[in-house]
Amino acid sequence: MEKSHTLTGMEIGETAVVKRLTIHGAMRRRLLDLGLCEGAEVKCIGRSPLGDPSAYLICGAVIAIRAADSCGVIVRRI
């Protein structure tokens, strides 16, 4: 069985597929609107100098997401 990870745990340059979102409310809606839905491919492309937020390539757009929000996105590394 594959181990689940979160966006927060991704290394720079690593690609993953979204398995599910565990976050709720307005932030869940925002992440879904940005394309972070089940089956979406996401790549970590960088981090700010202090480590938060991180930048992700999602559906052709670069999006910065804080660790507090990205820990609610469960992914499968590829």
PDB file of N, CA and C in Angstrom:
ATOM      1  N   MET A   1       0.839  -1.185   0.000  1.00  0.00           N
ATOM      2  CA  MET A   1       0.000   0.000   0.000  1.00  0.00           C
ATOM      3  C   MET A   1       0.885   1.250   0.000  1.00  0.00           C
ATOM      4  N   GLU A   2       0.523   2.230  -0.823  1.00  0.00           N
ATOM      5  CA  GLU A   2       1.301   3.450  -0.924  1.00  0.00           C
ATOM      6  C   GLU A   2       1.092   4.333   0.294  1.00  0.00           C
ATOM      7  N   LYS A   3       2.152   4.995   0.708  1.00  0.00           N
ATOM      8  CA  LYS A   3       2.079   5.908   1.831  1.00  0.00           C
ATOM      9  C   LYS A   3       1.612   7.273   1.339  1.00  0.00           C
ATOM     10  N   SER A   4       0.698   7.887   2.082  1.00  0.00           N
ATOM     11  CA  SER A   4       0.206   9.215   1.728  1.00  0.00           C
ATOM     12  C   SER A   4       1.120  10.287   2.310  1.00  0.00           C
ATOM     13  N   HIS A   5       1.217  11.377   1.592  1.00  0.00           N
ATOM     14  CA  HIS A   5       2.010  12.521   2.000  1.00  0.00           C
ATOM     15  C   HIS A   5       1.153  13.768   1.823  1.00  0.00           C
ATOM     16  N   THR A   6       1.633  14.888   2.300  1.00  0.00           N
ATOM     17  CA  THR A   6       0.946  16.155   2.090  1.00  0.00           C
ATOM     18  C   THR A   6       1.796  17.049   1.190  1.00  0.00           C
ATOM     19  N   LEU A   7       1.190  18.092   0.677  1.00  0.00           N
ATOM     20  CA  LEU A   7       1.951  19.053  -0.132  1.00  0.00           C
ATOM     21  C   LEU A   7       3.110  19.622   0.676  1.00  0.00           C
ATOM     22  N   THR A   8       2.890  19.837   1.954  1.00  0.00           N
ATOM     23  CA  THR A   8       3.924  20.412   2.814  1.00  0.00           C
ATOM     24  C   THR A   8       5.195  19.578   2.811  1.00  0.00           C
ATOM     25  N   GLY A   9       5.075  18.262   2.701  1.00  0.00           N
ATOM     26  CA  GLY A   9       6.224  17.374   2.752  1.00  0.00           C
ATOM     27  C   GLY A   9       6.949  17.184   1.431  1.00  0.00           C
ATOM     28  N   MET A  10       6.488  17.836   0.365  1.00  0.00           N
ATOM     29  CA  MET A  10       7.125  17.665  -0.934  1.00  0.00           C
ATOM     30  C   MET A  10       8.450  18.404  -0.999  1.00  0.00           C
ATOM     31  N   GLU A  11       9.406  17.816  -1.692  1.00  0.00           N
ATOM     32  CA  GLU A  11      10.696  18.446  -1.930  1.00  0.00           C
ATOM     33  C   GLU A  11      10.608  19.295  -3.197  1.00  0.00           C
ATOM     34  N   ILE A  12      11.459  20.290  -3.317  1.00  0.00           N
ATOM     35  CA  ILE A  12      11.496  21.123  -4.518  1.00  0.00           C
ATOM     36  C   ILE A  12      11.856  20.244  -5.723  1.00  0.00           C
ATOM     37  N   GLY A  13      11.078  20.364  -6.782  1.00  0.00           N
ATOM     38  CA  GLY A  13      11.279  19.568  -7.987  1.00  0.00           C
ATOM     39  C   GLY A  13      10.462  18.286  -8.009  1.00  0.00           C
ATOM     40  N   GLU A  14       9.854  17.939  -6.908  1.00  0.00           N
ATOM     41  CA  GLU A  14       9.069  16.705  -6.807  1.00  0.00           C
ATOM     42  C   GLU A  14       7.661  16.912  -7.365  1.00  0.00           C
ATOM     43  N   THR A  15       7.124  15.880  -8.009  1.00  0.00           N
ATOM     44  CA  THR A  15       5.779  15.913  -8.570  1.00  0.00           C
ATOM     45  C   THR A  15       4.907  14.896  -7.850  1.00  0.00           C
ATOM     46  N   ALA A  16       3.633  15.242  -7.683  1.00  0.00           N
ATOM     47  CA  ALA A  16       2.685  14.353  -7.000  1.00  0.00           C
ATOM     48  C   ALA A  16       1.296  14.514  -7.620  1.00  0.00           C
ATOM     49  N   VAL A  17       0.427  13.583  -7.272  1.00  0.00           N
ATOM     50  CA  VAL A  17      -0.968  13.620  -7.708  1.00  0.00           C
ATOM     51  C   VAL A  17      -1.837  13.771  -6.460  1.00  0.00           C
ATOM     52  N   VAL A  18      -2.810  14.671  -6.526  1.00  0.00           N
ATOM     53  CA  VAL A  18      -3.698  14.912  -5.388  1.00  0.00           C
ATOM     54  C   VAL A  18      -4.609  13.712  -5.178  1.00  0.00           C
ATOM     55  N   LYS A  19      -4.634  13.205  -3.945  1.00  0.00           N
ATOM     56  CA  LYS A  19      -5.534  12.110  -3.592  1.00  0.00           C
ATOM     57  C   LYS A  19      -6.832  12.632  -2.987  1.00  0.00           C
ATOM     58  N   ARG A  20      -6.699  13.594  -2.050  1.00  0.00           N
ATOM     59  CA  ARG A  20      -7.897  14.181  -1.428  1.00  0.00           C
ATOM     60  C   ARG A  20      -7.520  15.441  -0.644  1.00  0.00           C
ATOM     61  N   LEU A  21      -8.532  16.241  -0.335  1.00  0.00           N
ATOM     62  CA  LEU A  21      -8.363  17.424   0.489  1.00  0.00           C
ATOM     63  C   LEU A  21      -9.025  17.168   1.836  1.00  0.00           C
ATOM     64  N   THR A  22      -8.308  17.445   2.909  1.00  0.00           N
ATOM     65  CA  THR A  22      -8.873  17.274   4.251  1.00  0.00           C
ATOM     66  C   THR A  22      -9.227  18.614   4.876  1.00  0.00           C
ATOM     67  N   ILE A  23      -8.911  19.690   4.184  1.00  0.00           N
ATOM     68  CA  ILE A  23      -9.198  21.041   4.663  1.00  0.00           C
ATOM     69  C   ILE A  23     -10.651  21.382   4.325  1.00  0.00           C
ATOM     70  N   HIS A  24     -11.269  22.249   5.129  1.00  0.00           N
ATOM     71  CA  HIS A  24     -12.689  22.586   4.932  1.00  0.00           C
ATOM     72  C   HIS A  24     -12.880  24.096   4.836  1.00  0.00           C
ATOM     73  N   GLY A  25     -14.064  24.495   4.492  1.00  0.00           N
ATOM     74  CA  GLY A  25     -14.422  25.903   4.471  1.00  0.00           C
ATOM     75  C   GLY A  25     -13.967  26.639   3.227  1.00  0.00           C
ATOM     76  N   ALA A  26     -13.720  27.941   3.416  1.00  0.00           N
ATOM     77  CA  ALA A  26     -13.368  28.823   2.304  1.00  0.00           C
ATOM     78  C   ALA A  26     -12.041  28.428   1.661  1.00  0.00           C
ATOM     79  N   MET A  27     -11.089  27.962   2.453  1.00  0.00           N
ATOM     80  CA  MET A  27      -9.800  27.578   1.889  1.00  0.00           C
ATOM     81  C   MET A  27      -9.949  26.347   1.003  1.00  0.00           C
ATOM     82  N   ARG A  28     -10.804  25.418   1.378  1.00  0.00           N
ATOM     83  CA  ARG A  28     -11.055  24.246   0.526  1.00  0.00           C
ATOM     84  C   ARG A  28     -11.595  24.704  -0.828  1.00  0.00           C
ATOM     85  N   ARG A  29     -12.547  25.611  -0.796  1.00  0.00           N
ATOM     86  CA  ARG A  29     -13.149  26.129  -2.036  1.00  0.00           C
ATOM     87  C   ARG A  29     -12.082  26.810  -2.885  1.00  0.00           C
ATOM     88  N   ARG A  30     -11.203  27.599  -2.256  1.00  0.00           N
ATOM     89  CA  ARG A  30     -10.147  28.294  -2.995  1.00  0.00           C
ATOM     90  C   ARG A  30      -9.201  27.295  -3.655  1.00  0.00           C
ATOM     91  N   LEU A  31      -8.782  26.270  -2.903  1.00  0.00           N
ATOM     92  CA  LEU A  31      -7.861  25.268  -3.451  1.00  0.00           C
ATOM     93  C   LEU A  31      -8.505  24.505  -4.607  1.00  0.00           C
ATOM     94  N   LEU A  32      -9.780  24.178  -4.480  1.00  0.00           N
ATOM     95  CA  LEU A  32     -10.489  23.504  -5.566  1.00  0.00           C
ATOM     96  C   LEU A  32     -10.570  24.405  -6.793  1.00  0.00           C
ATOM     97  N   ASP A  33     -10.835  25.696  -6.572  1.00  0.00           N
ATOM     98  CA  ASP A  33     -10.908  26.650  -7.681  1.00  0.00           C
ATOM     99  C   ASP A  33      -9.567  26.789  -8.394  1.00  0.00           C
ATOM    100  N   LEU A  34      -8.465  26.602  -7.663  1.00  0.00           N
ATOM    101  CA  LEU A  34      -7.127  26.691  -8.248  1.00  0.00           C
ATOM    102  C   LEU A  34      -6.734  25.426  -9.004  1.00  0.00           C
ATOM    103  N   GLY A  35      -7.554  24.383  -8.896  1.00  0.00           N
ATOM    104  CA  GLY A  35      -7.279  23.150  -9.622  1.00  0.00           C
ATOM    105  C   GLY A  35      -6.761  22.011  -8.759  1.00  0.00           C
ATOM    106  N   LEU A  36      -6.712  22.204  -7.451  1.00  0.00           N
ATOM    107  CA  LEU A  36      -6.239  21.146  -6.558  1.00  0.00           C
ATOM    108  C   LEU A  36      -7.389  20.204  -6.205  1.00  0.00           C
ATOM    109  N   CYS A  37      -7.779  19.407  -7.173  1.00  0.00           N
ATOM    110  CA  CYS A  37      -8.836  18.421  -6.951  1.00  0.00           C
ATOM    111  C   CYS A  37      -8.232  17.029  -7.151  1.00  0.00           C
ATOM    112  N   GLU A  38      -8.973  16.020  -6.764  1.00  0.00           N
ATOM    113  CA  GLU A  38      -8.491  14.640  -6.875  1.00  0.00           C
ATOM    114  C   GLU A  38      -8.023  14.338  -8.297  1.00  0.00           C
ATOM    115  N   GLY A  39      -6.810  13.808  -8.406  1.00  0.00           N
ATOM    116  CA  GLY A  39      -6.245  13.443  -9.693  1.00  0.00           C
ATOM    117  C   GLY A  39      -5.384  14.516 -10.339  1.00  0.00           C
ATOM    118  N   ALA A  40      -5.394  15.727  -9.793  1.00  0.00           N
ATOM    119  CA  ALA A  40      -4.592  16.814 -10.362  1.00  0.00           C
ATOM    120  C   ALA A  40      -3.113  16.591 -10.070  1.00  0.00           C
ATOM    121  N   GLU A  41      -2.273  16.917 -11.043  1.00  0.00           N
ATOM    122  CA  GLU A  41      -0.831  16.805 -10.878  1.00  0.00           C
ATOM    123  C   GLU A  41      -0.293  18.138 -10.360  1.00  0.00           C
ATOM    124  N   VAL A  42       0.582  18.079  -9.375  1.00  0.00           N
ATOM    125  CA  VAL A  42       1.150  19.277  -8.775  1.00  0.00           C
ATOM    126  C   VAL A  42       2.655  19.080  -8.591  1.00  0.00           C
ATOM    127  N   LYS A  43       3.414  20.159  -8.850  1.00  0.00           N
ATOM    128  CA  LYS A  43       4.864  20.093  -8.719  1.00  0.00           C
ATOM    129  C   LYS A  43       5.329  21.213  -7.799  1.00  0.00           C
ATOM    130  N   CYS A  44       6.156  20.881  -6.824  1.00  0.00           N
ATOM    131  CA  CYS A  44       6.738  21.885  -5.938  1.00  0.00           C
ATOM    132  C   CYS A  44       7.912  22.517  -6.677  1.00  0.00           C
ATOM    133  N   ILE A  45       7.848  23.839  -6.882  1.00  0.00           N
ATOM    134  CA  ILE A  45       8.904  24.487  -7.655  1.00  0.00           C
ATOM    135  C   ILE A  45       9.749  25.461  -6.835  1.00  0.00           C
ATOM    136  N   GLY A  46       9.407  25.678  -5.574  1.00  0.00           N
ATOM    137  CA  GLY A  46      10.236  26.567  -4.765  1.00  0.00           C
ATOM    138  C   GLY A  46       9.625  26.889  -3.428  1.00  0.00           C
ATOM    139  N   ARG A  47      10.456  27.498  -2.569  1.00  0.00           N
ATOM    140  CA  ARG A  47      10.019  27.943  -1.252  1.00  0.00           C
ATOM    141  C   ARG A  47      10.544  29.346  -1.000  1.00  0.00           C
ATOM    142  N   SER A  48       9.840  30.087  -0.188  1.00  0.00           N
ATOM    143  CA  SER A  48      10.325  31.416   0.178  1.00  0.00           C
ATOM    144  C   SER A  48      11.583  31.263   1.033  1.00  0.00           C
ATOM    145  N   PRO A  49      12.368  32.308   1.205  1.00  0.00           N
ATOM    146  CA  PRO A  49      13.611  32.199   1.977  1.00  0.00           C
ATOM    147  C   PRO A  49      13.430  31.659   3.392  1.00  0.00           C
ATOM    148  N   LEU A  50      12.297  31.924   4.012  1.00  0.00           N
ATOM    149  CA  LEU A  50      12.056  31.423   5.368  1.00  0.00           C
ATOM    150  C   LEU A  50      11.318  30.080   5.370  1.00  0.00           C
ATOM    151  N   GLY A  51      11.038  29.533   4.194  1.00  0.00           N
ATOM    152  CA  GLY A  51      10.440  28.206   4.090  1.00  0.00           C
ATOM    153  C   GLY A  51       8.934  28.164   3.982  1.00  0.00           C
ATOM    154  N   ASP A  52       8.250  29.286   4.108  1.00  0.00           N
ATOM    155  CA  ASP A  52       6.794  29.311   4.027  1.00  0.00           C
ATOM    156  C   ASP A  52       6.363  30.662   3.488  1.00  0.00           C
ATOM    157  N   PRO A  53       5.612  30.751   2.410  1.00  0.00           N
ATOM    158  CA  PRO A  53       4.922  29.683   1.688  1.00  0.00           C
ATOM    159  C   PRO A  53       5.824  28.989   0.670  1.00  0.00           C
ATOM    160  N   SER A  54       5.252  27.949   0.059  1.00  0.00           N
ATOM    161  CA  SER A  54       5.919  27.228  -1.024  1.00  0.00           C
ATOM    162  C   SER A  54       5.176  27.505  -2.323  1.00  0.00           C
ATOM    163  N   ALA A  55       5.896  27.412  -3.438  1.00  0.00           N
ATOM    164  CA  ALA A  55       5.296  27.642  -4.757  1.00  0.00           C
ATOM    165  C   ALA A  55       5.072  26.299  -5.445  1.00  0.00           C
ATOM    166  N   TYR A  56       3.894  26.138  -6.024  1.00  0.00           N
ATOM    167  CA  TYR A  56       3.522  24.894  -6.698  1.00  0.00           C
ATOM    168  C   TYR A  56       3.029  25.212  -8.105  1.00  0.00           C
ATOM    169  N   LEU A  57       3.354  24.334  -9.042  1.00  0.00           N
ATOM    170  CA  LEU A  57       2.841  24.423 -10.404  1.00  0.00           C
ATOM    171  C   LEU A  57       1.601  23.551 -10.468  1.00  0.00           C
ATOM    172  N   ILE A  58       0.454  24.213 -10.683  1.00  0.00           N
ATOM    173  CA  ILE A  58      -0.834  23.518 -10.698  1.00  0.00           C
ATOM    174  C   ILE A  58      -1.591  23.965 -11.942  1.00  0.00           C
ATOM    175  N   CYS A  59      -1.917  23.039 -12.817  1.00  0.00           N
ATOM    176  CA  CYS A  59      -2.687  23.340 -14.035  1.00  0.00           C
ATOM    177  C   CYS A  59      -2.070  24.488 -14.825  1.00  0.00           C
ATOM    178  N   GLY A  60      -0.742  24.521 -14.922  1.00  0.00           N
ATOM    179  CA  GLY A  60      -0.065  25.530 -15.709  1.00  0.00           C
ATOM    180  C   GLY A  60       0.139  26.867 -15.026  1.00  0.00           C
ATOM    181  N   ALA A  61      -0.296  27.006 -13.784  1.00  0.00           N
ATOM    182  CA  ALA A  61      -0.132  28.261 -13.046  1.00  0.00           C
ATOM    183  C   ALA A  61       0.716  28.023 -11.802  1.00  0.00           C
ATOM    184  N   VAL A  62       1.527  29.012 -11.439  1.00  0.00           N
ATOM    185  CA  VAL A  62       2.328  28.922 -10.222  1.00  0.00           C
ATOM    186  C   VAL A  62       1.539  29.571  -9.089  1.00  0.00           C
ATOM    187  N   ILE A  63       1.319  28.798  -8.033  1.00  0.00           N
ATOM    188  CA  ILE A  63       0.515  29.239  -6.902  1.00  0.00           C
ATOM    189  C   ILE A  63       1.331  29.093  -5.624  1.00  0.00           C
ATOM    190  N   ALA A  64       1.343  30.123  -4.781  1.00  0.00           N
ATOM    191  CA  ALA A  64       2.003  30.057  -3.478  1.00  0.00           C
ATOM    192  C   ALA A  64       0.963  29.663  -2.430  1.00  0.00           C
ATOM    193  N   ILE A  65       1.283  28.639  -1.663  1.00  0.00           N
ATOM    194  CA  ILE A  65       0.358  28.152  -0.635  1.00  0.00           C
ATOM    195  C   ILE A  65       1.111  28.021   0.684  1.00  0.00           C
ATOM    196  N   ARG A  66       0.519  28.537   1.762  1.00  0.00           N
ATOM    197  CA  ARG A  66       1.127  28.446   3.086  1.00  0.00           C
ATOM    198  C   ARG A  66       1.098  27.008   3.590  1.00  0.00           C
ATOM    199  N   ALA A  67       2.049  26.670   4.436  1.00  0.00           N
ATOM    200  CA  ALA A  67       2.144  25.317   5.000  1.00  0.00           C
ATOM    201  C   ALA A  67       0.886  24.960   5.782  1.00  0.00           C
ATOM    202  N   ALA A  68       0.294  25.929   6.471  1.00  0.00           N
ATOM    203  CA  ALA A  68      -0.919  25.669   7.249  1.00  0.00           C
ATOM    204  C   ALA A  68      -2.064  25.188   6.364  1.00  0.00           C
ATOM    205  N   ASP A  69      -2.076  25.623   5.107  1.00  0.00           N
ATOM    206  CA  ASP A  69      -3.122  25.209   4.168  1.00  0.00           C
ATOM    207  C   ASP A  69      -2.715  23.976   3.367  1.00  0.00           C
ATOM    208  N   SER A  70      -1.450  23.901   2.980  1.00  0.00           N
ATOM    209  CA  SER A  70      -1.011  22.785   2.142  1.00  0.00           C
ATOM    210  C   SER A  70      -0.945  21.461   2.906  1.00  0.00           C
ATOM    211  N   CYS A  71      -0.912  21.517   4.237  1.00  0.00           N
ATOM    212  CA  CYS A  71      -0.898  20.260   5.002  1.00  0.00           C
ATOM    213  C   CYS A  71      -2.247  19.549   4.921  1.00  0.00           C
ATOM    214  N   GLY A  72      -3.280  20.229   4.422  1.00  0.00           N
ATOM    215  CA  GLY A  72      -4.592  19.617   4.254  1.00  0.00           C
ATOM    216  C   GLY A  72      -4.807  19.004   2.885  1.00  0.00           C
ATOM    217  N   VAL A  73      -3.737  18.930   2.077  1.00  0.00           N
ATOM    218  CA  VAL A  73      -3.825  18.332   0.736  1.00  0.00           C
ATOM    219  C   VAL A  73      -3.003  17.038   0.737  1.00  0.00           C
ATOM    220  N   ILE A  74      -3.675  15.910   0.649  1.00  0.00           N
ATOM    221  CA  ILE A  74      -3.033  14.603   0.648  1.00  0.00           C
ATOM    222  C   ILE A  74      -2.670  14.241  -0.779  1.00  0.00           C
ATOM    223  N   VAL A  75      -1.399  13.852  -0.980  1.00  0.00           N
ATOM    224  CA  VAL A  75      -0.906  13.555  -2.325  1.00  0.00           C
ATOM    225  C   VAL A  75      -0.201  12.185  -2.371  1.00  0.00           C
ATOM    226  N   ARG A  76      -0.063  11.683  -3.591  1.00  0.00           N
ATOM    227  CA  ARG A  76       0.720  10.467  -3.875  1.00  0.00           C
ATOM    228  C   ARG A  76       1.877  10.884  -4.756  1.00  0.00           C
ATOM    229  N   ARG A  77       3.080  10.685  -4.270  1.00  0.00           N
ATOM    230  CA  ARG A  77       4.268  11.072  -5.030  1.00  0.00           C
ATOM    231  C   ARG A  77       4.430  10.198  -6.267  1.00  0.00           C
ATOM    232  N   ILE A  78       4.891  10.823  -7.374  1.00  0.00           N
ATOM    233  CA  ILE A  78       5.140  10.072  -8.602  1.00  0.00           C
ATOM    234  C   ILE A  78       6.553  10.295  -9.065  1.00  0.00           C
TER     235      ILE A  78
END
